[in-house]
Amino acid sequence: MDFQRSLLIGAFAVLSFMLLSEWVAFKDQRSQATAQVTTRLTENAAPQVLELPEVAGTTASDLAEDIPAAPSTGPQIQPESPTESTHSGRIVQVFTDELQLAIDLQGGDIVELALVKHLEKLEGAPFVLLEQNSNRVYVAQSGLIGSDGIDSQGRATFTSKQARYTLEEGQDSLQVDLHWSNDNGVNIIKRFTFHREEYLIYVDYLVENRSEQRWQANFFGQLKRDSSPAPNADTTGMGLKPFLGSAITQPDERFTKFDFGDMKKEPFKKNLPGGWIAMIQHYFLSAWIPNPDLSHTYSTRVTSSGFNIAGFTSPALVLDPGQSGQVGARFYAGPKDQYRLEKISPYLDLSVDYGWLWWIAQPLFWLLTKIHALVGNWGVAIILLTVLIKAAFFKLSATSYRSMANMRRVQPKMVEIREQYADDKQKQSQAMMELYRKEKINPMGGCLPILVQMPVFISLYWVLMESVELRHAPFMLWINDLSVMDPYFVLPVLMGASMWFMQKLNPPPPDPMQAKIMQWLPIVFTFFFLWFPAGLVLYWVVNNLLSMAQQYVITRQIEKGAS
């Protein structure tokens, strides 16, 4: 009993600490939400070339620092000594049915990307994934390096025939060409190809060598990001914060991730076949997917300016005089739709990180999507999935509740034993064990079945936490977004009330301290759940109601049988 008492006190202390942590996180999140991001794409609809705002702390040396060094015997990425370059900041705007983006004519980098069908807030502006401003630096860079690479000594400056490109109705694809040439007869087109209903962008360099010399360069692609938190990051959920950092796939390890601290302490560098490299945050990611038939050098590093860079370098493209060639990669920027990511590249779907219980979480997510396909409402799908899980563990739960009911039935006899042997703990324990044997009660019978179910419950918890499908998904009445907290706190109050009623069905702890702690738990959990996403709270409410109904029936059956 002393162990149970200590366990309850420890659990109460942990929950109190977590509640305080969630309150601090909530305040920080609210403070961040007040900083509005100015989006060039939504505010400047006129077809004109705009000046890119200066980035705080970004200089010409910082930009040159981004450029990887040319490989000598194979594709390599290493910091280049800073060189002076002039940053024009002029951009080309691109609008498709899924994306709004800005491409910097110096370097041809994607310096801003917004997702049309995923809003920053409910009924707000498109969610900005990539951006380069005083609020955040997160861009997708690509170029040509090597002996003849146009980005080796600073970013190349391109020209464009238009300042604005739009995927019109009836068009299935859109090409945006940026042009570069020199006096030696080398002509290069950096081509971005977009497709309808697609977040995948094809980035290619079309090179025409009209010079009298052999031309050689390596294609590189990389993601550059500062260490600021993800916008609208959801920090709720029992301290289980979504991952923010880079990730890569390897032949011997399907999914390897590096947070920004890892990238600084131990930079990664390895030549790998095919593969991909990505920057991951809650609900969204960006990823470079190079040619799957070649080996590329992947690396992560942190620049002296503090920027986190994850990228790759491909083998050299070699063109003799008069030859033409093409090199490039695919770039994905959008939601973590695991079924679409799975088709783009092997194991890219693992960026939807369910942790070490992924082997349970994946089937649960599959079942959740199948239910949603039938009912068309994610809230209803969560309820039905909870019912199915509860049905699957019905017998285990019944065993647990039956044990609790039996403990409740013999509670008066247990009180008598404690009073009789109040001064002799050894005889008290012996008498308790004799009572359990006589009444055929297993004191651990109420705990073990619950422990067996915990991996499934934790897996479902992560499914609801990680699924971008629940972001801005309405349920009913006042719940118009299952990914944020209940605005009127109705679901947390229902959860706390259901927890309180469940306690009344259980035998009260004989120890006064345990009893007081148990009385406070529903209140602590209610406040703790105030900042949970509504979808998660909905799951707990339904689970508690089903458990309470099952426990009530079993308790009444045992009490009637004993009378």
Protein backbone atom coordinates (compact mmCIF):
# COMPACT_ATOMS: atom_id res chain seq x y z
CA MET A 1 0.00 0.00 0.00
CA ASP A 2 2.93 2.32 0.68
CA PHE A 3 4.04 1.73 -2.89
CA GLN A 4 0.60 2.64 -4.26
CA ARG A 5 0.56 5.75 -2.11
CA SER A 6 3.98 6.84 -3.36
CA LEU A 7 2.95 6.09 -6.94
CA LEU A 8 -0.17 8.24 -6.66
CA ILE A 9 1.73 11.12 -5.07
CA GLY A 10 4.35 10.90 -7.82
CA ALA A 11 1.68 10.81 -10.53
CA PHE A 12 -0.03 13.85 -9.01
CA ALA A 13 3.25 15.77 -8.91
CA VAL A 14 4.02 14.88 -12.53
CA LEU A 15 0.56 15.91 -13.69
CA SER A 16 0.84 19.22 -11.85
CA PHE A 17 4.19 19.92 -13.47
CA MET A 18 2.83 19.01 -16.91
CA LEU A 19 -0.17 21.28 -16.36
CA LEU A 20 2.15 24.19 -15.55
CA SER A 21 4.27 23.37 -18.63
CA GLU A 22 1.21 23.34 -20.87
CA TRP A 23 0.09 26.70 -19.50
CA VAL A 24 3.48 28.24 -20.25
CA ALA A 25 3.45 26.69 -23.75
CA PHE A 26 -0.05 28.01 -24.33
CA LYS A 27 0.99 31.53 -23.37
CA ASP A 28 4.02 31.34 -25.68
CA GLN A 29 1.85 30.08 -28.52
CA ARG A 30 -0.63 32.90 -28.04
CA SER A 31 2.23 35.42 -28.05
CA GLN A 32 3.61 33.99 -31.28
CA ALA A 33 0.17 34.06 -32.87
CA THR A 34 0.04 37.85 -32.46
CA ALA A 35 3.01 38.26 -34.82
CA GLN A 36 1.40 38.41 -38.24
CA VAL A 37 3.47 37.36 -41.24
CA THR A 38 3.29 39.62 -44.26
CA THR A 39 2.89 37.53 -47.40
CA ARG A 40 3.98 39.05 -50.69
CA LEU A 41 1.91 36.61 -52.68
CA THR A 42 -1.47 37.42 -51.20
CA GLU A 43 -0.98 41.15 -50.87
CA ASN A 44 0.53 41.80 -54.30
CA ALA A 45 -1.87 40.40 -56.87
CA ALA A 46 -0.77 42.74 -59.64
CA PRO A 47 1.61 41.13 -62.19
CA GLN A 48 4.76 43.02 -61.27
CA VAL A 49 8.29 42.18 -60.10
CA LEU A 50 8.60 43.01 -56.40
CA GLU A 51 11.54 43.75 -54.18
CA LEU A 52 12.31 40.92 -51.77
CA PRO A 53 12.47 42.30 -48.20
CA GLU A 54 15.87 42.29 -46.58
CA VAL A 55 16.28 39.45 -44.10
CA ALA A 56 17.41 40.47 -40.65
CA GLY A 57 20.97 39.25 -40.10
CA THR A 58 21.44 38.10 -43.70
CA THR A 59 24.38 39.57 -45.60
CA ALA A 60 26.16 38.84 -48.86
CA SER A 61 28.62 36.68 -46.94
CA ASP A 62 25.77 34.70 -45.42
CA LEU A 63 24.33 34.00 -48.86
CA ALA A 64 27.71 32.87 -50.21
CA GLU A 65 28.11 30.62 -47.19
CA ASP A 66 25.08 28.60 -48.34
CA ILE A 67 26.82 27.48 -51.53
CA PRO A 68 28.25 23.96 -51.27
CA ALA A 69 31.73 23.27 -52.61
CA ALA A 70 32.23 21.30 -55.81
CA PRO A 71 33.20 17.65 -55.31
CA SER A 72 36.67 16.59 -56.42
CA THR A 73 36.28 12.81 -56.78
CA GLY A 74 32.56 12.58 -56.20
CA PRO A 75 29.58 14.62 -55.04
CA GLN A 76 30.39 16.48 -51.82
CA ILE A 77 28.90 19.35 -49.86
CA GLN A 78 31.23 21.55 -47.85
CA PRO A 79 31.10 25.20 -46.79
CA GLU A 80 32.53 27.62 -49.33
CA SER A 81 34.66 30.57 -48.35
CA PRO A 82 32.49 33.71 -48.31
CA THR A 83 32.52 35.75 -51.50
CA GLU A 84 30.89 39.02 -52.28
CA SER A 85 27.64 38.92 -54.29
CA THR A 86 24.90 41.39 -55.01
CA HIS A 87 21.45 40.27 -53.82
CA SER A 88 18.88 41.72 -56.22
CA GLY A 89 15.89 40.38 -54.30
CA ARG A 90 13.62 40.46 -57.37
CA ILE A 91 11.10 37.64 -57.53
CA VAL A 92 8.79 35.84 -59.91
CA GLN A 93 5.36 34.90 -58.60
CA VAL A 94 3.73 31.56 -59.44
CA PHE A 95 0.11 30.61 -58.76
CA THR A 96 -1.34 27.11 -59.14
CA ASP A 97 -4.47 25.47 -57.75
CA GLU A 98 -2.41 24.17 -54.79
CA LEU A 99 0.54 26.53 -54.40
CA GLN A 100 1.47 30.19 -54.32
CA LEU A 101 5.21 30.78 -54.44
CA ALA A 102 7.93 33.31 -55.01
CA ILE A 103 11.14 32.48 -56.86
CA ASP A 104 14.16 34.73 -56.39
CA LEU A 105 15.77 35.57 -59.73
CA GLN A 106 19.14 35.54 -58.02
CA GLY A 107 19.85 31.86 -57.61
CA GLY A 108 16.41 30.72 -58.68
CA ASP A 109 15.56 29.72 -55.10
CA ILE A 110 12.03 29.29 -53.77
CA VAL A 111 11.94 31.96 -51.07
CA GLU A 112 8.25 31.77 -50.26
CA LEU A 113 5.64 29.06 -50.65
CA ALA A 114 2.05 29.09 -49.42
CA LEU A 115 -0.47 26.24 -49.50
CA VAL A 116 -3.76 27.40 -51.00
CA LYS A 117 -5.96 24.65 -49.54
CA HIS A 118 -4.34 24.67 -46.09
CA LEU A 119 -5.05 27.92 -44.30
CA GLU A 120 -2.95 29.56 -41.62
CA LYS A 121 -6.06 29.86 -39.50
CA LEU A 122 -9.63 28.75 -40.03
CA GLU A 123 -11.06 31.02 -42.76
CA GLY A 124 -7.73 32.85 -42.98
CA ALA A 125 -4.90 33.31 -45.49
CA PRO A 126 -3.05 30.35 -47.07
CA PHE A 127 -0.57 28.67 -44.75
CA VAL A 128 2.98 29.88 -45.46
CA LEU A 129 5.43 26.98 -45.31
CA LEU A 130 8.53 28.60 -46.86
CA GLU A 131 9.37 32.23 -46.27
CA GLN A 132 12.25 34.67 -46.04
CA ASN A 133 11.61 37.70 -43.90
CA SER A 134 12.33 39.13 -40.45
CA ASN A 135 10.00 36.57 -38.89
CA ARG A 136 11.51 33.37 -40.32
CA VAL A 137 14.05 32.11 -42.87
CA TYR A 138 13.07 28.81 -44.47
CA VAL A 139 13.86 28.46 -48.19
CA ALA A 140 14.51 25.79 -50.82
CA GLN A 141 17.79 26.35 -52.66
CA SER A 142 19.20 24.65 -55.75
CA GLY A 143 21.95 25.35 -58.22
CA LEU A 144 24.95 24.19 -60.23
CA ILE A 145 28.42 23.98 -58.71
CA GLY A 146 31.76 22.59 -59.86
CA SER A 147 34.38 23.72 -62.32
CA ASP A 148 31.78 25.34 -64.60
CA GLY A 149 28.92 25.68 -62.14
CA ILE A 150 27.12 29.00 -62.42
CA ASP A 151 26.66 29.15 -58.63
CA SER A 152 30.24 28.29 -57.65
CA GLN A 153 31.36 31.90 -57.12
CA GLY A 154 28.05 33.29 -55.88
CA ARG A 155 24.46 32.89 -56.95
CA ALA A 156 23.68 33.15 -60.65
CA THR A 157 21.31 35.89 -61.76
CA PHE A 158 18.49 34.72 -64.04
CA THR A 159 16.00 36.53 -66.22
CA SER A 160 12.36 35.70 -66.79
CA LYS A 161 10.00 36.65 -69.60
CA GLN A 162 7.18 37.16 -67.10
CA ALA A 163 6.91 38.39 -63.55
CA ARG A 164 3.85 36.28 -62.84
CA TYR A 165 2.80 32.80 -63.96
CA THR A 166 -0.62 31.23 -63.36
CA LEU A 167 -1.95 27.75 -63.96
CA GLU A 168 -5.11 28.61 -65.87
CA GLU A 169 -8.36 26.66 -65.94
CA GLY A 170 -8.06 23.73 -68.33
CA GLN A 171 -4.28 23.54 -67.96
CA ASP A 172 -2.84 20.38 -66.43
CA SER A 173 0.71 21.69 -66.06
CA LEU A 174 2.70 24.92 -65.98
CA GLN A 175 6.35 25.58 -66.87
CA VAL A 176 8.30 28.51 -65.47
CA ASP A 177 11.64 29.05 -67.25
CA LEU A 178 14.47 31.18 -65.89
CA HIS A 179 17.25 32.00 -68.36
CA TRP A 180 21.01 32.39 -67.97
CA SER A 181 23.80 32.62 -70.55
CA ASN A 182 27.41 33.77 -70.86
CA ASP A 183 29.68 35.05 -73.59
CA ASN A 184 31.28 31.62 -74.07
CA GLY A 185 28.12 30.18 -75.58
CA VAL A 186 26.69 28.30 -72.57
CA ASN A 187 22.92 28.69 -72.33
CA ILE A 188 21.03 27.42 -69.28
CA ILE A 189 17.34 27.25 -68.49
CA LYS A 190 16.26 26.60 -64.92
CA ARG A 191 12.81 25.09 -65.35
CA PHE A 192 10.14 24.68 -62.70
CA THR A 193 7.28 22.37 -63.72
CA PHE A 194 4.01 22.37 -61.78
CA HIS A 195 1.03 20.02 -62.14
CA ARG A 196 -2.61 20.43 -61.21
CA GLU A 197 -3.65 19.01 -57.83
CA GLU A 198 0.00 18.42 -56.96
CA TYR A 199 2.50 19.68 -54.38
CA LEU A 200 5.42 18.07 -56.20
CA ILE A 201 7.58 20.46 -58.24
CA TYR A 202 10.08 19.36 -60.89
CA VAL A 203 13.25 21.49 -60.84
CA ASP A 204 15.51 20.94 -63.87
CA TYR A 205 18.52 22.59 -65.46
CA LEU A 206 18.58 22.39 -69.26
CA VAL A 207 22.14 23.08 -70.37
CA GLU A 208 23.29 23.80 -73.94
CA ASN A 209 27.07 23.87 -74.38
CA ARG A 210 27.91 25.89 -77.52
CA SER A 211 31.37 26.72 -76.24
CA GLU A 212 34.60 25.17 -77.48
CA GLN A 213 35.39 23.61 -74.11
CA ARG A 214 33.99 20.69 -72.14
CA TRP A 215 31.44 21.87 -69.58
CA GLN A 216 30.98 20.18 -66.19
CA ALA A 217 28.87 20.94 -63.12
CA ASN A 218 27.05 19.24 -60.24
CA PHE A 219 23.45 19.84 -59.28
CA PHE A 220 22.73 20.53 -55.61
CA GLY A 221 19.49 20.96 -53.72
CA GLN A 222 19.13 21.95 -50.11
CA LEU A 223 16.76 23.31 -47.48
CA LYS A 224 17.90 26.25 -45.40
CA ARG A 225 16.10 27.08 -42.17
CA ASP A 226 16.69 29.04 -39.01
CA SER A 227 15.92 27.53 -35.61
CA SER A 228 12.65 29.36 -34.99
CA PRO A 229 9.65 27.22 -33.96
CA ALA A 230 7.21 26.14 -36.63
CA PRO A 231 4.34 28.61 -37.18
CA ASN A 232 1.19 27.68 -35.28
CA ALA A 233 3.07 24.76 -33.75
CA ASP A 234 0.83 22.62 -31.58
CA THR A 235 2.71 22.16 -28.31
CA THR A 236 -0.14 20.46 -26.48
CA GLY A 237 -0.52 16.80 -25.69
CA MET A 238 1.07 15.62 -22.43
CA GLY A 239 4.39 17.15 -23.42
CA LEU A 240 4.54 15.12 -26.65
CA LYS A 241 5.76 17.88 -28.93
CA PRO A 242 5.89 17.23 -32.68
CA PHE A 243 9.36 16.87 -34.16
CA LEU A 244 11.06 19.83 -35.83
CA GLY A 245 14.22 19.16 -37.82
CA SER A 246 15.59 17.27 -40.81
CA ALA A 247 15.20 13.64 -41.87
CA ILE A 248 16.72 11.27 -44.40
CA THR A 249 16.35 7.68 -45.58
CA GLN A 250 19.23 5.21 -45.77
CA PRO A 251 19.49 1.65 -47.10
CA ASP A 252 20.13 0.28 -43.61
CA GLU A 253 17.78 2.68 -41.80
CA ARG A 254 14.50 3.64 -43.40
CA PHE A 255 14.00 6.84 -41.44
CA THR A 256 16.72 8.87 -39.69
CA LYS A 257 15.94 12.23 -38.17
CA PHE A 258 18.16 15.01 -36.84
CA ASP A 259 16.97 17.89 -34.70
CA PHE A 260 18.82 21.16 -35.04
CA GLY A 261 21.00 20.35 -32.03
CA ASP A 262 22.07 17.09 -33.67
CA MET A 263 22.91 18.90 -36.90
CA LYS A 264 25.19 21.28 -35.02
CA LYS A 265 26.91 18.72 -32.79
CA GLU A 266 27.44 16.00 -35.37
CA PRO A 267 26.96 16.98 -39.05
CA PHE A 268 25.85 14.11 -41.26
CA LYS A 269 27.51 13.30 -44.60
CA LYS A 270 27.17 10.12 -46.64
CA ASN A 271 26.91 8.96 -50.25
CA LEU A 272 23.65 7.07 -50.69
CA PRO A 273 21.70 5.58 -53.62
CA GLY A 274 18.45 7.34 -54.53
CA GLY A 275 16.74 8.53 -51.38
CA TRP A 276 15.46 11.90 -50.17
CA ILE A 277 16.17 14.57 -47.56
CA ALA A 278 13.55 16.67 -45.82
CA MET A 279 12.73 19.35 -43.26
CA ILE A 280 9.87 18.22 -41.04
CA GLN A 281 7.45 20.07 -38.79
CA HIS A 282 3.97 19.43 -37.43
CA TYR A 283 1.56 18.57 -40.27
CA PHE A 284 3.88 19.76 -43.09
CA LEU A 285 7.25 19.07 -44.68
CA SER A 286 9.50 20.03 -47.55
CA ALA A 287 11.73 17.46 -49.26
CA TRP A 288 14.23 17.12 -52.08
CA ILE A 289 13.94 13.84 -54.00
CA PRO A 290 16.85 13.47 -56.47
CA ASN A 291 17.23 10.92 -59.28
CA PRO A 292 16.49 7.48 -57.73
CA ASP A 293 18.82 5.75 -60.22
CA LEU A 294 21.96 7.60 -59.05
CA SER A 295 23.92 7.92 -55.82
CA HIS A 296 24.06 11.33 -54.19
CA THR A 297 26.01 12.85 -51.32
CA TYR A 298 23.61 13.83 -48.54
CA SER A 299 24.61 16.11 -45.69
CA THR A 300 23.36 18.22 -42.82
CA ARG A 301 25.25 21.13 -41.31
CA VAL A 302 24.87 24.41 -39.46
CA THR A 303 26.49 27.51 -40.94
CA SER A 304 28.50 30.01 -38.94
CA SER A 305 25.49 32.33 -39.23
CA GLY A 306 23.33 29.78 -37.42
CA PHE A 307 21.29 28.46 -40.35
CA ASN A 308 20.47 24.77 -40.52
CA ILE A 309 21.07 23.26 -43.96
CA ALA A 310 20.05 19.80 -45.16
CA GLY A 311 20.76 18.90 -48.76
CA PHE A 312 22.43 16.75 -51.39
CA THR A 313 24.83 16.98 -54.33
CA SER A 314 24.41 14.83 -57.46
CA PRO A 315 27.12 13.40 -59.75
CA ALA A 316 28.51 15.80 -62.32
CA LEU A 317 26.81 16.48 -65.63
CA VAL A 318 29.53 16.51 -68.31
CA LEU A 319 28.88 18.01 -71.75
CA ASP A 320 31.33 18.15 -74.64
CA PRO A 321 31.21 21.09 -77.08
CA GLY A 322 27.94 21.09 -78.99
CA GLN A 323 26.19 18.78 -76.55
CA SER A 324 23.04 19.46 -74.51
CA GLY A 325 21.96 17.82 -71.27
CA GLN A 326 19.59 17.98 -68.34
CA VAL A 327 19.92 17.48 -64.59
CA GLY A 328 17.56 18.14 -61.71
CA ALA A 329 15.41 16.75 -58.92
CA ARG A 330 11.90 16.78 -57.58
CA PHE A 331 10.85 19.04 -54.71
CA TYR A 332 7.84 18.45 -52.47
CA ALA A 333 6.37 21.12 -50.21
CA GLY A 334 3.02 20.43 -48.62
CA PRO A 335 1.05 18.43 -46.06
CA LYS A 336 2.23 15.14 -44.60
CA ASP A 337 -0.21 13.08 -46.63
CA GLN A 338 1.39 9.69 -46.01
CA TYR A 339 -0.35 7.88 -48.87
CA ARG A 340 0.81 10.50 -51.41
CA LEU A 341 4.31 10.62 -49.91
CA GLU A 342 4.58 6.84 -50.14
CA LYS A 343 4.07 7.06 -53.91
CA ILE A 344 6.64 9.84 -54.36
CA SER A 345 9.59 8.01 -52.79
CA PRO A 346 10.11 4.91 -50.61
CA TYR A 347 9.77 5.61 -46.87
CA LEU A 348 9.00 9.30 -47.32
CA ASP A 349 5.65 8.50 -45.68
CA LEU A 350 7.56 7.73 -42.45
CA SER A 351 7.90 11.49 -42.02
CA VAL A 352 4.46 11.11 -40.42
CA ASP A 353 6.19 10.06 -37.23
CA TYR A 354 4.16 7.83 -34.90
CA GLY A 355 7.20 6.93 -32.82
CA TRP A 356 8.23 3.40 -31.92
CA LEU A 357 4.58 2.25 -31.91
CA TRP A 358 4.17 3.00 -35.62
CA TRP A 359 3.39 -0.66 -36.33
CA ILE A 360 0.20 -0.25 -34.29
CA ALA A 361 -0.52 3.36 -35.31
CA GLN A 362 -0.41 2.70 -39.07
CA PRO A 363 -3.30 0.17 -39.05
CA LEU A 364 -5.28 2.49 -36.75
CA PHE A 365 -4.83 5.38 -39.18
CA TRP A 366 -5.83 3.15 -42.09
CA LEU A 367 -9.00 2.14 -40.24
CA LEU A 368 -9.73 5.77 -39.32
CA THR A 369 -9.50 6.85 -42.98
CA LYS A 370 -11.76 4.00 -44.08
CA ILE A 371 -14.39 4.99 -41.53
CA HIS A 372 -14.12 8.63 -42.61
CA ALA A 373 -14.66 7.57 -46.23
CA LEU A 374 -18.00 6.11 -45.14
CA VAL A 375 -19.25 8.79 -42.74
CA GLY A 376 -17.57 11.91 -44.16
CA ASN A 377 -16.88 13.46 -40.74
CA TRP A 378 -13.60 13.08 -38.86
CA GLY A 379 -15.25 13.58 -35.48
CA VAL A 380 -17.75 10.80 -36.14
CA ALA A 381 -14.88 8.65 -37.46
CA ILE A 382 -12.99 9.15 -34.17
CA ILE A 383 -16.07 8.10 -32.20
CA LEU A 384 -16.64 4.97 -34.27
CA LEU A 385 -12.95 4.04 -34.16
CA THR A 386 -12.99 4.38 -30.36
CA VAL A 387 -16.06 2.11 -30.24
CA LEU A 388 -14.29 -0.51 -32.38
CA ILE A 389 -11.16 -0.42 -30.22
CA LYS A 390 -13.28 -0.70 -27.10
CA ALA A 391 -15.08 -3.69 -28.59
CA ALA A 392 -11.76 -5.35 -29.44
CA PHE A 393 -10.68 -5.09 -25.79
CA PHE A 394 -14.09 -5.81 -24.35
CA LYS A 395 -13.10 -9.04 -22.58
CA LEU A 396 -9.87 -7.60 -21.20
CA SER A 397 -11.72 -4.54 -19.90
CA ALA A 398 -14.41 -6.78 -18.39
CA THR A 399 -11.73 -8.70 -16.48
CA SER A 400 -10.32 -5.45 -15.12
CA TYR A 401 -13.70 -4.03 -14.12
CA ARG A 402 -14.77 -7.33 -12.57
CA SER A 403 -11.66 -7.27 -10.40
CA MET A 404 -12.39 -3.69 -9.35
CA ALA A 405 -15.99 -4.58 -8.55
CA ASN A 406 -14.88 -7.49 -6.39
CA MET A 407 -12.47 -5.22 -4.57
CA ARG A 408 -15.34 -2.82 -3.98
CA ARG A 409 -17.49 -5.68 -2.65
CA VAL A 410 -14.93 -6.74 -0.03
CA GLN A 411 -13.97 -3.19 0.90
CA PRO A 412 -15.70 -3.36 4.34
CA LYS A 413 -13.74 -6.52 5.26
CA MET A 414 -10.49 -4.87 4.16
CA VAL A 415 -11.24 -1.89 6.43
CA GLU A 416 -11.87 -4.26 9.35
CA ILE A 417 -8.52 -6.00 8.80
CA ARG A 418 -6.66 -2.68 8.73
CA GLU A 419 -8.32 -1.58 11.97
CA GLN A 420 -7.71 -4.96 13.64
CA TYR A 421 -4.00 -5.07 12.73
CA ALA A 422 -3.27 -1.36 12.69
CA ASP A 423 -0.06 -1.82 14.67
CA ASP A 424 1.18 -4.97 12.93
CA LYS A 425 1.81 -4.51 9.20
CA GLN A 426 3.01 -8.08 8.72
CA LYS A 427 -0.16 -9.64 10.13
CA GLN A 428 -2.22 -7.09 8.22
CA SER A 429 -0.60 -8.18 4.95
CA GLN A 430 -1.10 -11.87 5.79
CA ALA A 431 -4.77 -11.30 6.57
CA MET A 432 -5.22 -9.36 3.33
CA MET A 433 -3.67 -12.17 1.29
CA GLU A 434 -5.91 -14.70 3.04
CA LEU A 435 -8.94 -12.55 2.21
CA TYR A 436 -7.90 -12.35 -1.46
CA ARG A 437 -7.43 -16.13 -1.56
CA LYS A 438 -10.76 -16.81 0.11
CA GLU A 439 -12.69 -14.41 -2.11
CA LYS A 440 -10.71 -15.46 -5.22
CA ILE A 441 -9.60 -11.89 -5.93
CA ASN A 442 -6.43 -10.88 -7.77
CA PRO A 443 -5.42 -7.42 -6.45
CA MET A 444 -3.48 -6.81 -9.69
CA GLY A 445 -6.34 -8.00 -11.88
CA GLY A 446 -7.57 -4.47 -12.42
CA CYS A 447 -4.17 -3.19 -13.62
CA LEU A 448 -2.78 -5.83 -15.97
CA PRO A 449 -5.57 -5.70 -18.61
CA ILE A 450 -5.25 -1.92 -18.71
CA LEU A 451 -1.48 -2.16 -19.23
CA VAL A 452 -2.04 -4.50 -22.18
CA GLN A 453 -4.29 -1.90 -23.81
CA MET A 454 -1.96 1.05 -23.23
CA PRO A 455 0.16 0.62 -26.43
CA VAL A 456 -2.99 0.80 -28.54
CA PHE A 457 -4.28 3.87 -26.72
CA ILE A 458 -0.90 5.63 -27.01
CA SER A 459 -0.72 4.76 -30.73
CA LEU A 460 -4.18 6.17 -31.35
CA TYR A 461 -3.15 9.24 -29.40
CA TRP A 462 -0.24 9.82 -31.81
CA VAL A 463 -2.45 9.13 -34.84
CA LEU A 464 -4.83 11.89 -33.77
CA MET A 465 -1.90 14.14 -32.90
CA GLU A 466 -0.01 13.75 -36.19
CA SER A 467 -2.78 13.48 -38.79
CA VAL A 468 -2.94 16.58 -40.97
CA GLU A 469 -6.39 15.38 -42.07
CA LEU A 470 -7.76 16.58 -38.71
CA ARG A 471 -6.31 20.08 -39.14
CA HIS A 472 -9.23 22.51 -39.57
CA ALA A 473 -11.61 19.51 -39.80
CA PRO A 474 -15.06 20.35 -38.35
CA PHE A 475 -17.08 18.03 -36.14
CA MET A 476 -20.45 19.49 -35.16
CA LEU A 477 -22.03 22.43 -33.38
CA TRP A 478 -19.29 24.62 -31.88
CA ILE A 479 -16.40 22.28 -32.80
CA ASN A 480 -15.26 23.58 -36.19
CA ASP A 481 -11.61 22.49 -35.89
CA LEU A 482 -10.62 19.18 -34.32
CA SER A 483 -6.92 20.13 -34.24
CA VAL A 484 -7.31 22.99 -31.74
CA MET A 485 -8.78 23.18 -28.26
CA ASP A 486 -12.51 23.30 -27.60
CA PRO A 487 -13.28 27.06 -27.58
CA TYR A 488 -15.95 26.64 -24.87
CA PHE A 489 -14.18 23.85 -22.90
CA VAL A 490 -17.26 21.63 -23.06
CA LEU A 491 -15.38 18.45 -23.99
CA PRO A 492 -12.74 18.83 -21.22
CA VAL A 493 -15.50 19.35 -18.64
CA LEU A 494 -17.32 16.26 -19.92
CA MET A 495 -14.06 14.34 -19.71
CA GLY A 496 -13.52 15.43 -16.11
CA ALA A 497 -17.12 14.61 -15.17
CA SER A 498 -16.88 11.15 -16.71
CA MET A 499 -13.63 10.55 -14.84
CA TRP A 500 -15.29 11.57 -11.56
CA PHE A 501 -18.22 9.19 -12.12
CA MET A 502 -15.80 6.38 -12.95
CA GLN A 503 -14.08 6.95 -9.62
CA LYS A 504 -17.39 6.49 -7.83
CA LEU A 505 -17.66 3.02 -9.36
CA ASN A 506 -14.24 2.03 -8.04
CA PRO A 507 -13.47 1.05 -4.43
CA PRO A 508 -12.27 4.12 -2.50
CA PRO A 509 -8.63 3.96 -1.37
CA PRO A 510 -8.39 3.11 2.33
CA ASP A 511 -5.48 5.49 2.82
CA PRO A 512 -6.67 9.10 3.43
CA MET A 513 -3.81 10.56 1.41
CA GLN A 514 -4.59 8.31 -1.57
CA ALA A 515 -8.25 9.23 -1.32
CA LYS A 516 -7.48 12.96 -1.43
CA ILE A 517 -5.19 12.54 -4.43
CA MET A 518 -7.81 10.51 -6.27
CA GLN A 519 -10.40 13.20 -5.59
CA TRP A 520 -8.15 15.82 -7.16
CA LEU A 521 -7.25 13.84 -10.28
CA PRO A 522 -10.46 14.63 -12.24
CA ILE A 523 -9.91 18.34 -11.58
CA VAL A 524 -6.25 18.22 -12.57
CA PHE A 525 -7.03 16.26 -15.74
CA THR A 526 -9.86 18.66 -16.64
CA PHE A 527 -7.53 21.67 -16.53
CA PHE A 528 -4.81 19.70 -18.27
CA PHE A 529 -7.16 18.77 -21.12
CA LEU A 530 -8.33 22.36 -21.65
CA TRP A 531 -5.53 22.89 -24.19
CA PHE A 532 -5.74 19.51 -25.84
CA PRO A 533 -6.88 19.43 -29.49
CA ALA A 534 -10.62 18.76 -29.57
CA GLY A 535 -10.12 15.54 -31.54
CA LEU A 536 -7.99 14.06 -28.76
CA VAL A 537 -10.40 15.14 -26.03
CA LEU A 538 -13.28 13.69 -28.02
CA TYR A 539 -11.50 10.34 -28.06
CA TRP A 540 -10.97 10.41 -24.28
CA VAL A 541 -14.58 11.43 -23.58
CA VAL A 542 -15.99 8.61 -25.72
CA ASN A 543 -13.53 6.12 -24.24
CA ASN A 544 -14.46 7.18 -20.69
CA LEU A 545 -18.19 6.96 -21.38
CA LEU A 546 -17.86 3.47 -22.84
CA SER A 547 -15.65 2.38 -19.96
CA MET A 548 -18.05 3.85 -17.43
CA ALA A 549 -21.03 2.06 -18.99
CA GLN A 550 -19.21 -1.27 -19.06
CA GLN A 551 -17.92 -0.86 -15.51
CA TYR A 552 -21.38 0.12 -14.21
CA VAL A 553 -23.02 -2.99 -15.71
CA ILE A 554 -20.34 -5.35 -14.38
CA THR A 555 -20.38 -3.77 -10.90
CA ARG A 556 -24.16 -4.07 -10.64
CA GLN A 557 -24.02 -7.70 -11.79
CA ILE A 558 -21.48 -8.61 -9.11
CA GLU A 559 -23.32 -6.70 -6.40
CA LYS A 560 -26.60 -8.44 -7.29
CA GLY A 561 -24.86 -11.83 -7.30
CA ALA A 562 -23.42 -11.21 -3.84
CA SER A 563 -26.73 -10.09 -2.34
